[in-house]
Amino acid sequence: MPPSPRRNRSLSLPEDLPRLYPIVDAEVCAAAGRPVGDIARAFLAAGAQWLQLRCKGMASGAFLELAQTVVAECRQAGATLIINDRADIAALSDAQGLHVVHTDLEPADAREVIGDAAILGLSTHTKGQWDAAVREPISYIAIGPVFGTGTKATGYEPIGLALVRDASTAAAAHGLPTVAIGGITLENAPSVIEAGAASVAVISGLVSGDPEARCRAFLRRLK
């Protein structure tokens, strides 16, 4: 039998994984006419404990500068910052972690850049993907889209609550928590947690109207 892969055990997940995982997406912020930094600060002011910074089209220098600023603000607030996709930005900004998609950098390669102590999340969309993910050196598995969503085109059909339950059970057997994403609203978020997800990731649902108030509402709903 091959040896078990290295996994990050620096955090006692899922206890340290908050139920709400806001994703600060640069494109969504731009569409709402709000600077990325302002949205991140609004979520921190609301009491969010984890943030993910996703800036797919941003130049590397600008992304690094932004990440360093948000890392400092997260530290001041006692919160955790995860960088989407860019292992180099995560390492250079001293962020606490990185999130990759199965088509991005391989988790083992990402570990070489960010180190063993950093948090590493991996997005999955199918049973085959999450079955493979549990053998990777990761800290949590993201699953979705749970419901229909217009924020991010994944090319996959919604998995629904039954598969959230299946994926969460399979991941838990390997000591990994799940983060559910896709079409999650204030109304349906509790049902996703009840189905077994440790956390729900929300993008556009937090940016409309008053982002700080929206974030507070989600936190109250998920208590």
Protein backbone atom coordinates (compact mmCIF):
# COMPACT_ATOMS: atom_id res chain seq x y z
CA MET A 1 0.00 0.00 0.00
CA PRO A 2 1.46 3.44 -0.92
CA PRO A 3 2.22 5.80 1.96
CA SER A 4 -0.43 8.31 2.94
CA PRO A 5 0.16 11.75 1.38
CA ARG A 6 1.27 14.66 3.49
CA ARG A 7 -1.61 16.70 4.81
CA ASN A 8 -1.71 19.94 6.71
CA ARG A 9 -2.68 19.27 10.31
CA SER A 10 -1.67 22.68 11.68
CA LEU A 11 -5.35 23.52 12.14
CA SER A 12 -7.80 21.29 13.95
CA LEU A 13 -10.29 21.41 11.11
CA PRO A 14 -13.27 21.36 10.93
CA GLU A 15 -13.55 23.09 14.33
CA ASP A 16 -11.48 26.03 13.12
CA LEU A 17 -13.33 26.29 9.81
CA PRO A 18 -16.07 28.93 10.25
CA ARG A 19 -19.54 28.28 8.89
CA LEU A 20 -19.33 31.35 6.63
CA TYR A 21 -16.46 31.63 4.15
CA PRO A 22 -16.79 34.91 2.18
CA ILE A 23 -15.03 35.07 -1.18
CA VAL A 24 -13.91 38.54 -2.24
CA ASP A 25 -13.96 38.32 -6.03
CA ALA A 26 -12.43 41.26 -7.90
CA GLU A 27 -14.80 40.94 -10.88
CA VAL A 28 -17.89 40.80 -8.67
CA CYS A 29 -16.64 43.82 -6.71
CA ALA A 30 -16.03 45.74 -9.93
CA ALA A 31 -19.54 44.93 -11.19
CA ALA A 32 -20.92 46.29 -7.91
CA GLY A 33 -18.77 49.42 -8.21
CA ARG A 34 -16.89 48.66 -4.99
CA PRO A 35 -13.10 48.44 -4.46
CA VAL A 36 -11.92 44.99 -3.44
CA GLY A 37 -10.27 46.29 -0.28
CA ASP A 38 -13.49 47.98 0.85
CA ILE A 39 -15.44 44.74 0.51
CA ALA A 40 -12.80 42.79 2.44
CA ARG A 41 -12.87 45.39 5.22
CA ALA A 42 -16.68 45.29 5.34
CA PHE A 43 -16.62 41.51 5.85
CA LEU A 44 -13.99 41.81 8.57
CA ALA A 45 -15.99 44.53 10.30
CA ALA A 46 -19.00 42.20 10.25
CA GLY A 47 -17.00 39.54 12.06
CA ALA A 48 -15.98 37.16 9.25
CA GLN A 49 -13.15 34.89 10.40
CA TRP A 50 -12.02 33.59 7.00
CA LEU A 51 -11.80 35.40 3.66
CA GLN A 52 -10.71 34.25 0.23
CA LEU A 53 -9.22 36.78 -2.17
CA ARG A 54 -9.94 35.94 -5.82
CA CYS A 55 -8.44 38.27 -8.44
CA LYS A 56 -8.22 36.26 -11.66
CA GLY A 57 -7.59 39.13 -14.07
CA MET A 58 -5.46 41.36 -11.85
CA ALA A 59 -1.82 42.02 -12.66
CA SER A 60 0.61 40.23 -10.36
CA GLY A 61 2.08 43.37 -8.83
CA ALA A 62 -1.30 44.86 -8.01
CA PHE A 63 -2.55 41.53 -6.67
CA LEU A 64 0.47 41.16 -4.39
CA GLU A 65 0.11 44.70 -3.05
CA LEU A 66 -3.60 44.13 -2.39
CA ALA A 67 -2.95 40.76 -0.78
CA GLN A 68 -0.32 42.21 1.56
CA THR A 69 -2.76 44.92 2.65
CA VAL A 70 -5.59 42.46 3.27
CA VAL A 71 -3.27 40.02 5.08
CA ALA A 72 -2.31 42.81 7.50
CA GLU A 73 -5.96 43.77 8.04
CA CYS A 74 -6.97 40.15 8.57
CA ARG A 75 -4.22 39.68 11.13
CA GLN A 76 -5.36 42.78 12.98
CA ALA A 77 -8.90 41.38 13.04
CA GLY A 78 -7.77 37.88 14.03
CA ALA A 79 -9.00 36.50 10.71
CA THR A 80 -7.54 34.14 8.11
CA LEU A 81 -6.85 35.03 4.47
CA ILE A 82 -6.78 32.45 1.69
CA ILE A 83 -5.50 33.40 -1.77
CA ASN A 84 -7.26 31.90 -4.77
CA ASP A 85 -5.15 30.18 -7.44
CA ARG A 86 -1.86 32.07 -7.05
CA ALA A 87 0.58 30.10 -4.91
CA ASP A 88 3.26 32.73 -5.52
CA ILE A 89 1.03 35.53 -4.22
CA ALA A 90 0.03 33.44 -1.20
CA ALA A 91 3.69 32.82 -0.32
CA LEU A 92 4.95 36.34 -0.99
CA SER A 93 2.09 38.04 0.88
CA ASP A 94 2.45 35.66 3.84
CA ALA A 95 -1.24 34.74 3.59
CA GLN A 96 -2.35 31.82 5.73
CA GLY A 97 -3.40 29.68 2.81
CA LEU A 98 -4.17 28.97 -0.82
CA HIS A 99 -7.19 27.62 -2.70
CA VAL A 100 -6.80 25.84 -6.03
CA VAL A 101 -9.11 24.23 -8.57
CA HIS A 102 -8.44 20.74 -9.89
CA THR A 103 -7.38 22.30 -13.21
CA ASP A 104 -4.89 24.69 -11.53
CA LEU A 105 -1.61 23.85 -9.85
CA GLU A 106 -1.52 20.30 -8.46
CA PRO A 107 -1.90 20.30 -4.65
CA ALA A 108 1.45 18.57 -4.14
CA ASP A 109 3.14 21.25 -6.27
CA ALA A 110 1.28 23.99 -4.41
CA ARG A 111 2.61 22.58 -1.14
CA GLU A 112 6.14 23.03 -2.45
CA VAL A 113 5.46 26.75 -2.78
CA ILE A 114 3.35 27.51 0.31
CA GLY A 115 4.85 24.98 2.73
CA ASP A 116 3.36 22.30 4.93
CA ALA A 117 1.96 24.63 7.58
CA ALA A 118 -0.26 26.64 5.23
CA ILE A 119 -3.94 25.92 4.66
CA LEU A 120 -4.67 24.39 1.25
CA GLY A 121 -8.16 24.02 -0.22
CA LEU A 122 -9.18 22.23 -3.41
CA SER A 123 -12.33 22.72 -5.50
CA THR A 124 -14.17 19.64 -6.76
CA HIS A 125 -17.38 19.19 -8.75
CA THR A 126 -17.91 15.45 -9.16
CA LYS A 127 -17.69 12.26 -7.11
CA GLY A 128 -14.58 11.23 -9.02
CA GLN A 129 -12.91 14.53 -8.19
CA TRP A 130 -13.67 14.48 -4.47
CA ASP A 131 -12.73 10.79 -4.21
CA ALA A 132 -9.34 11.72 -5.68
CA ALA A 133 -9.06 14.87 -3.54
CA VAL A 134 -9.01 12.99 -0.23
CA ARG A 135 -5.64 11.53 -1.24
CA GLU A 136 -4.11 14.96 -1.80
CA PRO A 137 -2.08 17.00 0.76
CA ILE A 138 -4.96 19.41 1.42
CA SER A 139 -6.74 20.93 4.42
CA TYR A 140 -10.32 21.03 3.11
CA ILE A 141 -12.38 20.12 0.05
CA ALA A 142 -14.71 22.58 -1.68
CA ILE A 143 -17.74 21.04 -3.40
CA GLY A 144 -20.26 22.54 -5.78
CA PRO A 145 -22.07 24.16 -7.30
CA VAL A 146 -24.70 23.15 -4.76
CA PHE A 147 -27.44 25.18 -6.44
CA GLY A 148 -27.61 27.08 -9.74
CA THR A 149 -25.37 30.14 -9.80
CA GLY A 150 -24.59 32.92 -12.25
CA THR A 151 -21.49 34.17 -10.46
CA LYS A 152 -18.97 31.66 -11.73
CA ALA A 153 -19.41 29.35 -14.73
CA THR A 154 -18.11 25.94 -13.68
CA GLY A 155 -19.47 23.87 -16.56
CA TYR A 156 -21.04 21.50 -14.02
CA GLU A 157 -24.65 20.91 -13.04
CA PRO A 158 -25.75 21.69 -9.46
CA ILE A 159 -25.01 18.75 -7.16
CA GLY A 160 -27.85 19.36 -4.68
CA LEU A 161 -28.02 18.64 -0.96
CA ALA A 162 -27.94 14.85 -1.27
CA LEU A 163 -24.51 14.94 -2.88
CA VAL A 164 -23.33 17.54 -0.35
CA ARG A 165 -24.17 14.92 2.27
CA ASP A 166 -22.37 12.15 0.38
CA ALA A 167 -19.27 14.25 -0.29
CA SER A 168 -19.10 15.54 3.28
CA THR A 169 -19.38 12.03 4.69
CA ALA A 170 -16.67 10.73 2.36
CA ALA A 171 -14.35 13.64 3.18
CA ALA A 172 -14.94 13.33 6.93
CA ALA A 173 -13.84 9.70 6.79
CA HIS A 174 -10.42 11.06 5.77
CA GLY A 175 -10.41 13.82 8.39
CA LEU A 176 -11.24 16.57 5.90
CA PRO A 177 -14.04 19.15 6.18
CA THR A 178 -16.06 20.36 3.20
CA VAL A 179 -16.82 23.87 2.03
CA ALA A 180 -19.97 24.07 -0.11
CA ILE A 181 -20.29 26.76 -2.79
CA GLY A 182 -22.68 27.79 -5.55
CA GLY A 183 -26.04 29.52 -5.38
CA ILE A 184 -26.00 29.71 -1.59
CA THR A 185 -28.36 32.32 -0.16
CA LEU A 186 -29.39 33.56 3.25
CA GLU A 187 -32.44 31.33 3.00
CA ASN A 188 -30.83 28.05 1.92
CA ALA A 189 -27.46 28.33 3.72
CA PRO A 190 -28.61 26.50 6.90
CA SER A 191 -29.82 23.51 4.87
CA VAL A 192 -26.33 23.16 3.38
CA ILE A 193 -24.76 23.04 6.84
CA GLU A 194 -27.44 20.57 7.96
CA ALA A 195 -26.48 18.39 4.97
CA GLY A 196 -22.98 18.05 6.39
CA ALA A 197 -20.88 20.89 4.99
CA ALA A 198 -18.61 22.48 7.58
CA SER A 199 -18.80 25.85 5.84
CA VAL A 200 -20.56 27.70 3.03
CA ALA A 201 -18.66 29.94 0.62
CA VAL A 202 -20.59 32.94 -0.69
CA ILE A 203 -19.59 35.45 -3.36
CA SER A 204 -22.24 37.70 -4.94
CA GLY A 205 -24.80 37.09 -2.19
CA LEU A 206 -22.64 39.14 0.18
CA VAL A 207 -21.89 42.08 -2.10
CA SER A 208 -25.37 43.33 -2.98
CA GLY A 209 -26.68 46.25 -0.94
CA ASP A 210 -24.69 46.79 2.25
CA PRO A 211 -21.90 44.13 2.30
CA GLU A 212 -21.24 44.49 6.02
CA ALA A 213 -24.94 44.11 6.87
CA ARG A 214 -25.28 41.17 4.48
CA CYS A 215 -22.29 39.43 6.05
CA ARG A 216 -23.69 40.00 9.54
CA ALA A 217 -27.02 38.55 8.44
CA PHE A 218 -25.34 35.38 7.13
CA LEU A 219 -23.31 35.02 10.33
CA ARG A 220 -26.48 35.32 12.45
CA ARG A 221 -28.34 32.86 10.24
CA LEU A 222 -25.56 30.28 10.49
CA LYS A 223 -25.05 30.54 14.24
